[in-house]
Amino acid sequence: MPLIQKIGPYEFRFYSRGEASERVHIHVRRDRLEAKFWLEPTVGLARAGRFKLHELTEIARMVEKHRQEFREAWHEYFQ
C-alpha cells in the first residue's frame, strides 16, 4: 500500500493489488479510520469510513489541492 503523501495526521495511499481496474482514487487514513475519494472525473467521496462530516470536508479540500499529484502517482504506479 504505497504512501503517496502525509499531511498532518492523514496518510494518502492506494492499494497496490486490484486497484488498477477501478477509477482513479485515493485512500485517506487517520488512526483506524479510512475514507476513499475518487479523483476522476472530479474529486468525490466514494466511502466515508466513519469520519465525521466536518473532517471529511477538510480532507476533501486536501484531496482537491493535491489531486494532480495523486493522479500522477496513480498513473505512474499502475502503468
PDB file of N, CA and C in Angstrom:
ATOM      1  N   MET A   1       0.844  -1.171   0.000  1.00  0.00           N
ATOM      2  CA  MET A   1       0.000   0.000   0.000  1.00  0.00           C
ATOM      3  C   MET A   1       0.889   1.233   0.000  1.00  0.00           C
ATOM      4  N   PRO A   2       1.248   1.737  -1.175  1.00  0.00           N
ATOM      5  CA  PRO A   2       2.173   2.867  -1.256  1.00  0.00           C
ATOM      6  C   PRO A   2       1.640   4.129  -0.582  1.00  0.00           C
ATOM      7  N   LEU A   3       2.492   4.763   0.199  1.00  0.00           N
ATOM      8  CA  LEU A   3       2.180   6.054   0.817  1.00  0.00           C
ATOM      9  C   LEU A   3       2.529   7.134  -0.197  1.00  0.00           C
ATOM     10  N   ILE A   4       1.554   7.926  -0.589  1.00  0.00           N
ATOM     11  CA  ILE A   4       1.767   8.985  -1.564  1.00  0.00           C
ATOM     12  C   ILE A   4       2.169  10.276  -0.858  1.00  0.00           C
ATOM     13  N   GLN A   5       1.473  10.578   0.225  1.00  0.00           N
ATOM     14  CA  GLN A   5       1.790  11.797   0.972  1.00  0.00           C
ATOM     15  C   GLN A   5       1.194  11.703   2.370  1.00  0.00           C
ATOM     16  N   LYS A   6       1.836  12.393   3.307  1.00  0.00           N
ATOM     17  CA  LYS A   6       1.316  12.510   4.666  1.00  0.00           C
ATOM     18  C   LYS A   6       1.142  13.998   4.942  1.00  0.00           C
ATOM     19  N   ILE A   7      -0.064  14.364   5.346  1.00  0.00           N
ATOM     20  CA  ILE A   7      -0.375  15.757   5.679  1.00  0.00           C
ATOM     21  C   ILE A   7      -0.996  15.741   7.062  1.00  0.00           C
ATOM     22  N   GLY A   8      -0.279  16.306   8.022  1.00  0.00           N
ATOM     23  CA  GLY A   8      -0.761  16.267   9.396  1.00  0.00           C
ATOM     24  C   GLY A   8      -0.963  14.823   9.811  1.00  0.00           C
ATOM     25  N   PRO A   9      -2.137  14.496  10.363  1.00  0.00           N
ATOM     26  CA  PRO A   9      -2.381  13.120  10.808  1.00  0.00           C
ATOM     27  C   PRO A   9      -2.867  12.189   9.688  1.00  0.00           C
ATOM     28  N   TYR A  10      -2.990  12.707   8.466  1.00  0.00           N
ATOM     29  CA  TYR A  10      -3.591  11.941   7.373  1.00  0.00           C
ATOM     30  C   TYR A  10      -2.539  11.333   6.447  1.00  0.00           C
ATOM     31  N   GLU A  11      -2.753  10.076   6.110  1.00  0.00           N
ATOM     32  CA  GLU A  11      -1.916   9.390   5.140  1.00  0.00           C
ATOM     33  C   GLU A  11      -2.753   9.160   3.883  1.00  0.00           C
ATOM     34  N   PHE A  12      -2.198   9.535   2.751  1.00  0.00           N
ATOM     35  CA  PHE A  12      -2.868   9.382   1.465  1.00  0.00           C
ATOM     36  C   PHE A  12      -2.174   8.241   0.727  1.00  0.00           C
ATOM     37  N   ARG A  13      -2.951   7.183   0.428  1.00  0.00           N
ATOM     38  CA  ARG A  13      -2.399   5.941  -0.128  1.00  0.00           C
ATOM     39  C   ARG A  13      -3.322   5.366  -1.185  1.00  0.00           C
ATOM     40  N   PHE A  14      -2.794   4.387  -1.918  1.00  0.00           N
ATOM     41  CA  PHE A  14      -3.655   3.496  -2.685  1.00  0.00           C
ATOM     42  C   PHE A  14      -3.140   2.085  -2.503  1.00  0.00           C
ATOM     43  N   TYR A  15      -4.037   1.134  -2.701  1.00  0.00           N
ATOM     44  CA  TYR A  15      -3.660  -0.267  -2.549  1.00  0.00           C
ATOM     45  C   TYR A  15      -3.012  -0.741  -3.832  1.00  0.00           C
ATOM     46  N   SER A  16      -1.970  -1.532  -3.709  1.00  0.00           N
ATOM     47  CA  SER A  16      -1.228  -1.955  -4.886  1.00  0.00           C
ATOM     48  C   SER A  16      -1.842  -3.159  -5.585  1.00  0.00           C
ATOM     49  N   ARG A  17      -2.776  -3.842  -4.958  1.00  0.00           N
ATOM     50  CA  ARG A  17      -3.400  -5.015  -5.581  1.00  0.00           C
ATOM     51  C   ARG A  17      -4.832  -4.714  -5.995  1.00  0.00           C
ATOM     52  N   GLY A  18      -5.131  -4.973  -7.246  1.00  0.00           N
ATOM     53  CA  GLY A  18      -6.502  -4.882  -7.717  1.00  0.00           C
ATOM     54  C   GLY A  18      -7.038  -3.491  -7.969  1.00  0.00           C
ATOM     55  N   GLU A  19      -6.282  -2.472  -7.670  1.00  0.00           N
ATOM     56  CA  GLU A  19      -6.778  -1.108  -7.795  1.00  0.00           C
ATOM     57  C   GLU A  19      -6.806  -0.624  -9.241  1.00  0.00           C
ATOM     58  N   ALA A  20      -5.950  -1.142 -10.082  1.00  0.00           N
ATOM     59  CA  ALA A  20      -5.832  -0.641 -11.449  1.00  0.00           C
ATOM     60  C   ALA A  20      -7.126  -0.802 -12.233  1.00  0.00           C
ATOM     61  N   SER A  21      -7.975  -1.723 -11.846  1.00  0.00           N
ATOM     62  CA  SER A  21      -9.227  -1.948 -12.568  1.00  0.00           C
ATOM     63  C   SER A  21     -10.330  -0.966 -12.161  1.00  0.00           C
ATOM     64  N   GLU A  22     -10.099  -0.180 -11.124  1.00  0.00           N
ATOM     65  CA  GLU A  22     -11.085   0.799 -10.656  1.00  0.00           C
ATOM     66  C   GLU A  22     -10.767   2.178 -11.207  1.00  0.00           C
ATOM     67  N   ARG A  23     -11.735   3.093 -11.048  1.00  0.00           N
ATOM     68  CA  ARG A  23     -11.461   4.502 -11.350  1.00  0.00           C
ATOM     69  C   ARG A  23     -10.331   4.986 -10.460  1.00  0.00           C
ATOM     70  N   VAL A  24      -9.655   6.029 -10.896  1.00  0.00           N
ATOM     71  CA  VAL A  24      -8.551   6.600 -10.121  1.00  0.00           C
ATOM     72  C   VAL A  24      -9.097   7.147  -8.805  1.00  0.00           C
ATOM     73  N   HIS A  25      -8.474   6.743  -7.698  1.00  0.00           N
ATOM     74  CA  HIS A  25      -8.933   7.170  -6.379  1.00  0.00           C
ATOM     75  C   HIS A  25      -7.768   7.137  -5.387  1.00  0.00           C
ATOM     76  N   ILE A  26      -8.027   7.662  -4.209  1.00  0.00           N
ATOM     77  CA  ILE A  26      -7.032   7.702  -3.135  1.00  0.00           C
ATOM     78  C   ILE A  26      -7.722   7.295  -1.837  1.00  0.00           C
ATOM     79  N   HIS A  27      -7.002   6.566  -1.003  1.00  0.00           N
ATOM     80  CA  HIS A  27      -7.479   6.222   0.334  1.00  0.00           C
ATOM     81  C   HIS A  27      -6.824   7.178   1.321  1.00  0.00           C
ATOM     82  N   VAL A  28      -7.596   7.626   2.288  1.00  0.00           N
ATOM     83  CA  VAL A  28      -7.103   8.549   3.315  1.00  0.00           C
ATOM     84  C   VAL A  28      -7.266   7.863   4.658  1.00  0.00           C
ATOM     85  N   ARG A  29      -6.159   7.768   5.387  1.00  0.00           N
ATOM     86  CA  ARG A  29      -6.190   7.090   6.684  1.00  0.00           C
ATOM     87  C   ARG A  29      -5.756   8.038   7.794  1.00  0.00           C
ATOM     88  N   ARG A  30      -6.431   7.883   8.918  1.00  0.00           N
ATOM     89  CA  ARG A  30      -6.020   8.528  10.167  1.00  0.00           C
ATOM     90  C   ARG A  30      -6.369   7.541  11.261  1.00  0.00           C
ATOM     91  N   ASP A  31      -5.356   7.172  12.019  1.00  0.00           N
ATOM     92  CA  ASP A  31      -5.557   6.172  13.062  1.00  0.00           C
ATOM     93  C   ASP A  31      -6.201   4.930  12.435  1.00  0.00           C
ATOM     94  N   ARG A  32      -7.367   4.551  12.913  1.00  0.00           N
ATOM     95  CA  ARG A  32      -8.034   3.351  12.385  1.00  0.00           C
ATOM     96  C   ARG A  32      -9.169   3.693  11.420  1.00  0.00           C
ATOM     97  N   LEU A  33      -9.278   4.951  11.041  1.00  0.00           N
ATOM     98  CA  LEU A  33     -10.312   5.388  10.110  1.00  0.00           C
ATOM     99  C   LEU A  33      -9.741   5.443   8.695  1.00  0.00           C
ATOM    100  N   GLU A  34     -10.593   5.168   7.722  1.00  0.00           N
ATOM    101  CA  GLU A  34     -10.159   5.242   6.338  1.00  0.00           C
ATOM    102  C   GLU A  34     -11.326   5.642   5.441  1.00  0.00           C
ATOM    103  N   ALA A  35     -11.090   6.624   4.585  1.00  0.00           N
ATOM    104  CA  ALA A  35     -12.078   7.057   3.596  1.00  0.00           C
ATOM    105  C   ALA A  35     -11.475   6.857   2.212  1.00  0.00           C
ATOM    106  N   LYS A  36     -12.332   6.926   1.221  1.00  0.00           N
ATOM    107  CA  LYS A  36     -11.898   6.753  -0.163  1.00  0.00           C
ATOM    108  C   LYS A  36     -12.498   7.879  -0.989  1.00  0.00           C
ATOM    109  N   PHE A  37     -11.647   8.520  -1.803  1.00  0.00           N
ATOM    110  CA  PHE A  37     -12.087   9.612  -2.663  1.00  0.00           C
ATOM    111  C   PHE A  37     -11.753   9.296  -4.109  1.00  0.00           C
ATOM    112  N   TRP A  38     -12.732   9.499  -4.996  1.00  0.00           N
ATOM    113  CA  TRP A  38     -12.475   9.422  -6.429  1.00  0.00           C
ATOM    114  C   TRP A  38     -11.676  10.653  -6.828  1.00  0.00           C
ATOM    115  N   LEU A  39     -10.794  10.496  -7.789  1.00  0.00           N
ATOM    116  CA  LEU A  39     -10.007  11.614  -8.309  1.00  0.00           C
ATOM    117  C   LEU A  39     -10.420  11.994  -9.725  1.00  0.00           C
ATOM    118  N   GLU A  40     -11.135  11.119 -10.400  1.00  0.00           N
ATOM    119  CA  GLU A  40     -11.586  11.372 -11.772  1.00  0.00           C
ATOM    120  C   GLU A  40     -13.026  10.920 -11.912  1.00  0.00           C
ATOM    121  N   PRO A  41     -13.858  11.611 -12.641  1.00  0.00           N
ATOM    122  CA  PRO A  41     -13.503  12.800 -13.412  1.00  0.00           C
ATOM    123  C   PRO A  41     -13.324  14.038 -12.539  1.00  0.00           C
ATOM    124  N   THR A  42     -13.938  14.036 -11.349  1.00  0.00           N
ATOM    125  CA  THR A  42     -13.712  15.108 -10.377  1.00  0.00           C
ATOM    126  C   THR A  42     -13.543  14.461  -9.008  1.00  0.00           C
ATOM    127  N   VAL A  43     -13.113  15.237  -8.039  1.00  0.00           N
ATOM    128  CA  VAL A  43     -12.975  14.719  -6.674  1.00  0.00           C
ATOM    129  C   VAL A  43     -14.360  14.458  -6.101  1.00  0.00           C
ATOM    130  N   GLY A  44     -14.541  13.270  -5.548  1.00  0.00           N
ATOM    131  CA  GLY A  44     -15.819  12.917  -4.942  1.00  0.00           C
ATOM    132  C   GLY A  44     -15.622  11.834  -3.893  1.00  0.00           C
ATOM    133  N   LEU A  45     -16.427  11.867  -2.876  1.00  0.00           N
ATOM    134  CA  LEU A  45     -16.350  10.883  -1.805  1.00  0.00           C
ATOM    135  C   LEU A  45     -16.905   9.546  -2.283  1.00  0.00           C
ATOM    136  N   ALA A  46     -16.111   8.507  -2.179  1.00  0.00           N
ATOM    137  CA  ALA A  46     -16.553   7.159  -2.543  1.00  0.00           C
ATOM    138  C   ALA A  46     -17.016   6.391  -1.303  1.00  0.00           C
ATOM    139  N   ARG A  47     -16.305   6.590  -0.190  1.00  0.00           N
ATOM    140  CA  ARG A  47     -16.642   5.890   1.063  1.00  0.00           C
ATOM    141  C   ARG A  47     -16.179   6.748   2.232  1.00  0.00           C
ATOM    142  N   ALA A  48     -17.048   7.001   3.188  1.00  0.00           N
ATOM    143  CA  ALA A  48     -16.747   7.908   4.304  1.00  0.00           C
ATOM    144  C   ALA A  48     -15.906   7.263   5.400  1.00  0.00           C
ATOM    145  N   GLY A  49     -16.020   5.970   5.568  1.00  0.00           N
ATOM    146  CA  GLY A  49     -15.187   5.271   6.539  1.00  0.00           C
ATOM    147  C   GLY A  49     -15.269   5.762   7.973  1.00  0.00           C
ATOM    148  N   ARG A  50     -16.430   6.172   8.426  1.00  0.00           N
ATOM    149  CA  ARG A  50     -16.690   6.594   9.809  1.00  0.00           C
ATOM    150  C   ARG A  50     -16.047   7.927  10.201  1.00  0.00           C
ATOM    151  N   PHE A  51     -15.465   8.650   9.247  1.00  0.00           N
ATOM    152  CA  PHE A  51     -15.023  10.014   9.552  1.00  0.00           C
ATOM    153  C   PHE A  51     -16.269  10.876   9.755  1.00  0.00           C
ATOM    154  N   LYS A  52     -16.164  11.879  10.593  1.00  0.00           N
ATOM    155  CA  LYS A  52     -17.262  12.828  10.796  1.00  0.00           C
ATOM    156  C   LYS A  52     -17.305  13.799   9.605  1.00  0.00           C
ATOM    157  N   LEU A  53     -18.474  14.345   9.361  1.00  0.00           N
ATOM    158  CA  LEU A  53     -18.691  15.200   8.201  1.00  0.00           C
ATOM    159  C   LEU A  53     -17.720  16.376   8.139  1.00  0.00           C
ATOM    160  N   HIS A  54     -17.495  17.048   9.260  1.00  0.00           N
ATOM    161  CA  HIS A  54     -16.594  18.209   9.232  1.00  0.00           C
ATOM    162  C   HIS A  54     -15.171  17.801   8.855  1.00  0.00           C
ATOM    163  N   GLU A  55     -14.752  16.623   9.274  1.00  0.00           N
ATOM    164  CA  GLU A  55     -13.418  16.143   8.939  1.00  0.00           C
ATOM    165  C   GLU A  55     -13.345  15.731   7.465  1.00  0.00           C
ATOM    166  N   LEU A  56     -14.405  15.103   6.965  1.00  0.00           N
ATOM    167  CA  LEU A  56     -14.450  14.739   5.543  1.00  0.00           C
ATOM    168  C   LEU A  56     -14.381  15.973   4.652  1.00  0.00           C
ATOM    169  N   THR A  57     -15.007  17.042   5.087  1.00  0.00           N
ATOM    170  CA  THR A  57     -14.955  18.297   4.331  1.00  0.00           C
ATOM    171  C   THR A  57     -13.520  18.803   4.241  1.00  0.00           C
ATOM    172  N   GLU A  58     -12.805  18.767   5.339  1.00  0.00           N
ATOM    173  CA  GLU A  58     -11.402  19.207   5.360  1.00  0.00           C
ATOM    174  C   GLU A  58     -10.530  18.274   4.513  1.00  0.00           C
ATOM    175  N   ILE A  59     -10.750  16.985   4.617  1.00  0.00           N
ATOM    176  CA  ILE A  59      -9.982  16.019   3.831  1.00  0.00           C
ATOM    177  C   ILE A  59     -10.253  16.237   2.337  1.00  0.00           C
ATOM    178  N   ALA A  60     -11.509  16.465   1.977  1.00  0.00           N
ATOM    179  CA  ALA A  60     -11.851  16.707   0.575  1.00  0.00           C
ATOM    180  C   ALA A  60     -11.105  17.916   0.030  1.00  0.00           C
ATOM    181  N   ARG A  61     -10.939  18.951   0.841  1.00  0.00           N
ATOM    182  CA  ARG A  61     -10.159  20.122   0.420  1.00  0.00           C
ATOM    183  C   ARG A  61      -8.705  19.739   0.151  1.00  0.00           C
ATOM    184  N   MET A  62      -8.151  18.909   1.017  1.00  0.00           N
ATOM    185  CA  MET A  62      -6.769  18.457   0.824  1.00  0.00           C
ATOM    186  C   MET A  62      -6.636  17.619  -0.449  1.00  0.00           C
ATOM    187  N   VAL A  63      -7.601  16.740  -0.655  1.00  0.00           N
ATOM    188  CA  VAL A  63      -7.573  15.895  -1.854  1.00  0.00           C
ATOM    189  C   VAL A  63      -7.654  16.769  -3.103  1.00  0.00           C
ATOM    190  N   GLU A  64      -8.528  17.748  -3.082  1.00  0.00           N
ATOM    191  CA  GLU A  64      -8.651  18.654  -4.227  1.00  0.00           C
ATOM    192  C   GLU A  64      -7.342  19.402  -4.464  1.00  0.00           C
ATOM    193  N   LYS A  65      -6.743  19.888  -3.411  1.00  0.00           N
ATOM    194  CA  LYS A  65      -5.494  20.645  -3.531  1.00  0.00           C
ATOM    195  C   LYS A  65      -4.358  19.798  -4.117  1.00  0.00           C
ATOM    196  N   HIS A  66      -4.313  18.520  -3.774  1.00  0.00           N
ATOM    197  CA  HIS A  66      -3.217  17.638  -4.195  1.00  0.00           C
ATOM    198  C   HIS A  66      -3.656  16.641  -5.269  1.00  0.00           C
ATOM    199  N   ARG A  67      -4.806  16.883  -5.848  1.00  0.00           N
ATOM    200  CA  ARG A  67      -5.382  15.943  -6.817  1.00  0.00           C
ATOM    201  C   ARG A  67      -4.422  15.588  -7.946  1.00  0.00           C
ATOM    202  N   GLN A  68      -3.779  16.578  -8.526  1.00  0.00           N
ATOM    203  CA  GLN A  68      -2.905  16.323  -9.668  1.00  0.00           C
ATOM    204  C   GLN A  68      -1.748  15.393  -9.297  1.00  0.00           C
ATOM    205  N   GLU A  69      -1.117  15.630  -8.164  1.00  0.00           N
ATOM    206  CA  GLU A  69      -0.001  14.753  -7.784  1.00  0.00           C
ATOM    207  C   GLU A  69      -0.481  13.349  -7.418  1.00  0.00           C
ATOM    208  N   PHE A  70      -1.681  13.228  -6.831  1.00  0.00           N
ATOM    209  CA  PHE A  70      -2.234  11.905  -6.548  1.00  0.00           C
ATOM    210  C   PHE A  70      -2.525  11.162  -7.851  1.00  0.00           C
ATOM    211  N   ARG A  71      -3.093  11.874  -8.828  1.00  0.00           N
ATOM    212  CA  ARG A  71      -3.381  11.264 -10.134  1.00  0.00           C
ATOM    213  C   ARG A  71      -2.095  10.820 -10.814  1.00  0.00           C
ATOM    214  N   GLU A  72      -1.084  11.660 -10.789  1.00  0.00           N
ATOM    215  CA  GLU A  72       0.194  11.314 -11.410  1.00  0.00           C
ATOM    216  C   GLU A  72       0.814  10.089 -10.743  1.00  0.00           C
ATOM    217  N   ALA A  73       0.767  10.029  -9.423  1.00  0.00           N
ATOM    218  CA  ALA A  73       1.308   8.872  -8.696  1.00  0.00           C
ATOM    219  C   ALA A  73       0.554   7.598  -9.075  1.00  0.00           C
ATOM    220  N   TRP A  74      -0.765   7.697  -9.191  1.00  0.00           N
ATOM    221  CA  TRP A  74      -1.591   6.551  -9.586  1.00  0.00           C
ATOM    222  C   TRP A  74      -1.157   6.037 -10.963  1.00  0.00           C
ATOM    223  N   HIS A  75      -1.125   6.950 -11.936  1.00  0.00           N
ATOM    224  CA  HIS A  75      -0.816   6.542 -13.309  1.00  0.00           C
ATOM    225  C   HIS A  75       0.613   6.016 -13.424  1.00  0.00           C
ATOM    226  N   GLU A  76       1.527   6.611 -12.704  1.00  0.00           N
ATOM    227  CA  GLU A  76       2.913   6.127 -12.721  1.00  0.00           C
ATOM    228  C   GLU A  76       3.011   4.730 -12.128  1.00  0.00           C
ATOM    229  N   TYR A  77       2.336   4.500 -11.024  1.00  0.00           N
ATOM    230  CA  TYR A  77       2.423   3.204 -10.347  1.00  0.00           C
ATOM    231  C   TYR A  77       1.756   2.092 -11.164  1.00  0.00           C
ATOM    232  N   PHE A  78       0.604   2.381 -11.747  1.00  0.00           N
ATOM    233  CA  PHE A  78      -0.161   1.348 -12.428  1.00  0.00           C
ATOM    234  C   PHE A  78       0.132   1.227 -13.930  1.00  0.00           C
ATOM    235  N   GLN A  79       1.111   1.942 -14.449  1.00  0.00           N
ATOM    236  CA  GLN A  79       1.485   1.817 -15.869  1.00  0.00           C
ATOM    237  C   GLN A  79       2.101   0.481 -16.132  1.00  0.00           C
TER     238      GLN A  79
END
